[in-house]
C-alpha atoms as a PDB file:
ATOM      1  CA  MET A   1       0.000   0.000   0.000  1.00  0.00           C
ATOM      2  CA  SER A   2       1.155   3.502  -0.705  1.00  0.00           C
ATOM      3  CA  PHE A   3       1.752   6.017   2.055  1.00  0.00           C
ATOM      4  CA  ASP A   4      -1.394   7.931   1.018  1.00  0.00           C
ATOM      5  CA  GLU A   5      -3.499   4.773   1.140  1.00  0.00           C
ATOM      6  CA  ARG A   6      -2.189   3.823   4.581  1.00  0.00           C
ATOM      7  CA  ARG A   7      -2.772   7.373   5.826  1.00  0.00           C
ATOM      8  CA  ALA A   8      -6.328   7.398   4.451  1.00  0.00           C
ATOM      9  CA  LEU A   9      -7.022   4.050   6.128  1.00  0.00           C
ATOM     10  CA  GLU A  10      -5.842   5.515   9.436  1.00  0.00           C
ATOM     11  CA  THR A  11      -7.852   8.743   9.179  1.00  0.00           C
ATOM     12  CA  LEU A  12     -11.075   7.465   7.632  1.00  0.00           C
ATOM     13  CA  PRO A  13     -12.589   6.090  10.868  1.00  0.00           C
ATOM     14  CA  ALA A  14     -12.467   9.549  12.461  1.00  0.00           C
ATOM     15  CA  GLN A  15     -13.887  11.099   9.296  1.00  0.00           C
ATOM     16  CA  LEU A  16     -16.708   8.540   9.264  1.00  0.00           C
ATOM     17  CA  ALA A  17     -17.508   9.254  12.909  1.00  0.00           C
ATOM     18  CA  ALA A  18     -17.562  13.006  12.286  1.00  0.00           C
ATOM     19  CA  LEU A  19     -19.904  12.599   9.322  1.00  0.00           C
ATOM     20  CA  GLU A  20     -22.201  10.339  11.335  1.00  0.00           C
ATOM     21  CA  THR A  21     -22.324  12.966  14.098  1.00  0.00           C
ATOM     22  CA  GLN A  22     -23.061  15.700  11.580  1.00  0.00           C
ATOM     23  CA  ILE A  23     -25.849  13.619  10.025  1.00  0.00           C
ATOM     24  CA  ALA A  24     -27.372  12.957  13.446  1.00  0.00           C
ATOM     25  CA  LYS A  25     -27.398  16.696  14.229  1.00  0.00           C
ATOM     26  CA  LEU A  26     -28.975  17.532  10.876  1.00  0.00           C
ATOM     27  CA  ASN A  27     -31.602  14.826  11.354  1.00  0.00           C
ATOM     28  CA  ALA A  28     -32.341  16.179  14.829  1.00  0.00           C
ATOM     29  CA  ALA A  29     -32.849  19.667  13.391  1.00  0.00           C
ATOM     30  CA  LEU A  30     -35.164  18.294  10.708  1.00  0.00           C
ATOM     31  CA  ALA A  31     -37.133  16.356  13.335  1.00  0.00           C
ATOM     32  CA  ASP A  32     -38.568  19.675  14.545  1.00  0.00           C
ATOM     33  CA  PRO A  33     -42.115  19.537  13.140  1.00  0.00           C
ATOM     34  CA  ASP A  34     -42.361  23.337  13.048  1.00  0.00           C
ATOM     35  CA  LEU A  35     -39.044  24.023  11.322  1.00  0.00           C
ATOM     36  CA  TYR A  36     -40.458  24.317   7.812  1.00  0.00           C
ATOM     37  CA  ALA A  37     -43.287  26.633   8.896  1.00  0.00           C
ATOM     38  CA  ARG A  38     -40.986  28.747  11.059  1.00  0.00           C
ATOM     39  CA  ASP A  39     -37.974  28.962   8.730  1.00  0.00           C
ATOM     40  CA  PRO A  40     -38.349  27.432   5.251  1.00  0.00           C
ATOM     41  CA  GLY A  41     -34.893  28.688   4.245  1.00  0.00           C
ATOM     42  CA  ARG A  42     -33.211  26.910   7.133  1.00  0.00           C
ATOM     43  CA  PHE A  43     -35.246  23.797   6.413  1.00  0.00           C
ATOM     44  CA  GLY A  44     -34.048  23.817   2.798  1.00  0.00           C
ATOM     45  CA  ALA A  45     -30.430  24.481   3.739  1.00  0.00           C
ATOM     46  CA  THR A  46     -30.499  21.748   6.374  1.00  0.00           C
ATOM     47  CA  THR A  47     -32.038  19.289   3.928  1.00  0.00           C
ATOM     48  CA  ARG A  48     -29.358  20.056   1.339  1.00  0.00           C
ATOM     49  CA  ALA A  49     -26.598  19.793   3.945  1.00  0.00           C
ATOM     50  CA  LEU A  50     -27.977  16.419   5.020  1.00  0.00           C
ATOM     51  CA  GLY A  51     -27.874  15.164   1.445  1.00  0.00           C
ATOM     52  CA  VAL A  52     -24.284  16.318   1.020  1.00  0.00           C
ATOM     53  CA  ALA A  53     -23.218  14.740   4.318  1.00  0.00           C
ATOM     54  CA  GLN A  54     -24.914  11.448   3.410  1.00  0.00           C
ATOM     55  CA  ASP A  55     -23.162  11.426   0.028  1.00  0.00           C
ATOM     56  CA  GLU A  56     -19.806  12.162   1.695  1.00  0.00           C
ATOM     57  CA  LEU A  57     -20.408   9.374   4.217  1.00  0.00           C
ATOM     58  CA  ALA A  58     -21.233   6.895   1.464  1.00  0.00           C
ATOM     59  CA  ALA A  59     -18.086   7.871  -0.464  1.00  0.00           C
ATOM     60  CA  ALA A  60     -15.903   7.635   2.649  1.00  0.00           C
ATOM     61  CA  GLU A  61     -17.362   4.224   3.529  1.00  0.00           C
ATOM     62  CA  GLU A  62     -16.689   3.006  -0.001  1.00  0.00           C
ATOM     63  CA  GLN A  63     -13.111   4.314   0.164  1.00  0.00           C
ATOM     64  CA  TRP A  64     -12.564   2.638   3.544  1.00  0.00           C
ATOM     65  CA  LEU A  65     -13.942  -0.667   2.260  1.00  0.00           C
ATOM     66  CA  THR A  66     -11.756  -0.529  -0.851  1.00  0.00           C
ATOM     67  CA  LEU A  67      -8.639   0.202   1.213  1.00  0.00           C
ATOM     68  CA  GLU A  68      -9.451  -2.546   3.732  1.00  0.00           C
ATOM     69  CA  MET A  69      -9.849  -5.055   0.910  1.00  0.00           C
ATOM     70  CA  LEU A  70      -6.527  -3.936  -0.567  1.00  0.00           C
ATOM     71  CA  ARG A  71      -4.832  -4.238   2.822  1.00  0.00           C
ATOM     72  CA  GLU A  72      -6.210  -7.757   3.245  1.00  0.00           C
ATOM     73  CA  GLU A  73      -5.107  -8.770  -0.261  1.00  0.00           C
ATOM     74  CA  ILE A  74      -1.601  -7.506   0.408  1.00  0.00           C
ATOM     75  CA  GLY A  75      -1.578  -9.343   3.739  1.00  0.00           C
ATOM     76  CA  ASP A  76      -2.669 -12.566   2.039  1.00  0.00           C
ATOM     77  CA  VAL A  77       0.059 -12.237  -0.600  1.00  0.00           C
ATOM     78  CA  GLU A  78       2.708 -11.536   2.053  1.00  0.00           C
ATOM     79  CA  ARG A  79       1.612 -14.546   4.152  1.00  0.00           C
ATOM     80  CA  LYS A  80       1.791 -16.838   1.113  1.00  0.00           C
ATOM     81  CA  SER A  81       5.290 -15.662   0.207  1.00  0.00           C
END
Protein backbone atom coordinates (compact mmCIF):
# COMPACT_ATOMS: atom_id res chain seq x y z
CA MET A 1 0.00 0.00 0.00
CA SER A 2 1.15 3.50 -0.71
CA PHE A 3 1.75 6.02 2.06
CA ASP A 4 -1.39 7.93 1.02
CA GLU A 5 -3.50 4.77 1.14
CA ARG A 6 -2.19 3.82 4.58
CA ARG A 7 -2.77 7.37 5.83
CA ALA A 8 -6.33 7.40 4.45
CA LEU A 9 -7.02 4.05 6.13
CA GLU A 10 -5.84 5.51 9.44
CA THR A 11 -7.85 8.74 9.18
CA LEU A 12 -11.07 7.47 7.63
CA PRO A 13 -12.59 6.09 10.87
CA ALA A 14 -12.47 9.55 12.46
CA GLN A 15 -13.89 11.10 9.30
CA LEU A 16 -16.71 8.54 9.26
CA ALA A 17 -17.51 9.25 12.91
CA ALA A 18 -17.56 13.01 12.29
CA LEU A 19 -19.90 12.60 9.32
CA GLU A 20 -22.20 10.34 11.33
CA THR A 21 -22.32 12.97 14.10
CA GLN A 22 -23.06 15.70 11.58
CA ILE A 23 -25.85 13.62 10.02
CA ALA A 24 -27.37 12.96 13.45
CA LYS A 25 -27.40 16.70 14.23
CA LEU A 26 -28.98 17.53 10.88
CA ASN A 27 -31.60 14.83 11.35
CA ALA A 28 -32.34 16.18 14.83
CA ALA A 29 -32.85 19.67 13.39
CA LEU A 30 -35.16 18.29 10.71
CA ALA A 31 -37.13 16.36 13.34
CA ASP A 32 -38.57 19.68 14.55
CA PRO A 33 -42.12 19.54 13.14
CA ASP A 34 -42.36 23.34 13.05
CA LEU A 35 -39.04 24.02 11.32
CA TYR A 36 -40.46 24.32 7.81
CA ALA A 37 -43.29 26.63 8.90
CA ARG A 38 -40.99 28.75 11.06
CA ASP A 39 -37.97 28.96 8.73
CA PRO A 40 -38.35 27.43 5.25
CA GLY A 41 -34.89 28.69 4.24
CA ARG A 42 -33.21 26.91 7.13
CA PHE A 43 -35.25 23.80 6.41
CA GLY A 44 -34.05 23.82 2.80
CA ALA A 45 -30.43 24.48 3.74
CA THR A 46 -30.50 21.75 6.37
CA THR A 47 -32.04 19.29 3.93
CA ARG A 48 -29.36 20.06 1.34
CA ALA A 49 -26.60 19.79 3.94
CA LEU A 50 -27.98 16.42 5.02
CA GLY A 51 -27.87 15.16 1.45
CA VAL A 52 -24.28 16.32 1.02
CA ALA A 53 -23.22 14.74 4.32
CA GLN A 54 -24.91 11.45 3.41
CA ASP A 55 -23.16 11.43 0.03
CA GLU A 56 -19.81 12.16 1.69
CA LEU A 57 -20.41 9.37 4.22
CA ALA A 58 -21.23 6.89 1.46
CA ALA A 59 -18.09 7.87 -0.46
CA ALA A 60 -15.90 7.63 2.65
CA GLU A 61 -17.36 4.22 3.53
CA GLU A 62 -16.69 3.01 0.00
CA GLN A 63 -13.11 4.31 0.16
CA TRP A 64 -12.56 2.64 3.54
CA LEU A 65 -13.94 -0.67 2.26
CA THR A 66 -11.76 -0.53 -0.85
CA LEU A 67 -8.64 0.20 1.21
CA GLU A 68 -9.45 -2.55 3.73
CA MET A 69 -9.85 -5.05 0.91
CA LEU A 70 -6.53 -3.94 -0.57
CA ARG A 71 -4.83 -4.24 2.82
CA GLU A 72 -6.21 -7.76 3.25
CA GLU A 73 -5.11 -8.77 -0.26
CA ILE A 74 -1.60 -7.51 0.41
CA GLY A 75 -1.58 -9.34 3.74
CA ASP A 76 -2.67 -12.57 2.04
CA VAL A 77 0.06 -12.24 -0.60
CA GLU A 78 2.71 -11.54 2.05
CA ARG A 79 1.61 -14.55 4.15
CA LYS A 80 1.79 -16.84 1.11
CA SER A 81 5.29 -15.66 0.21
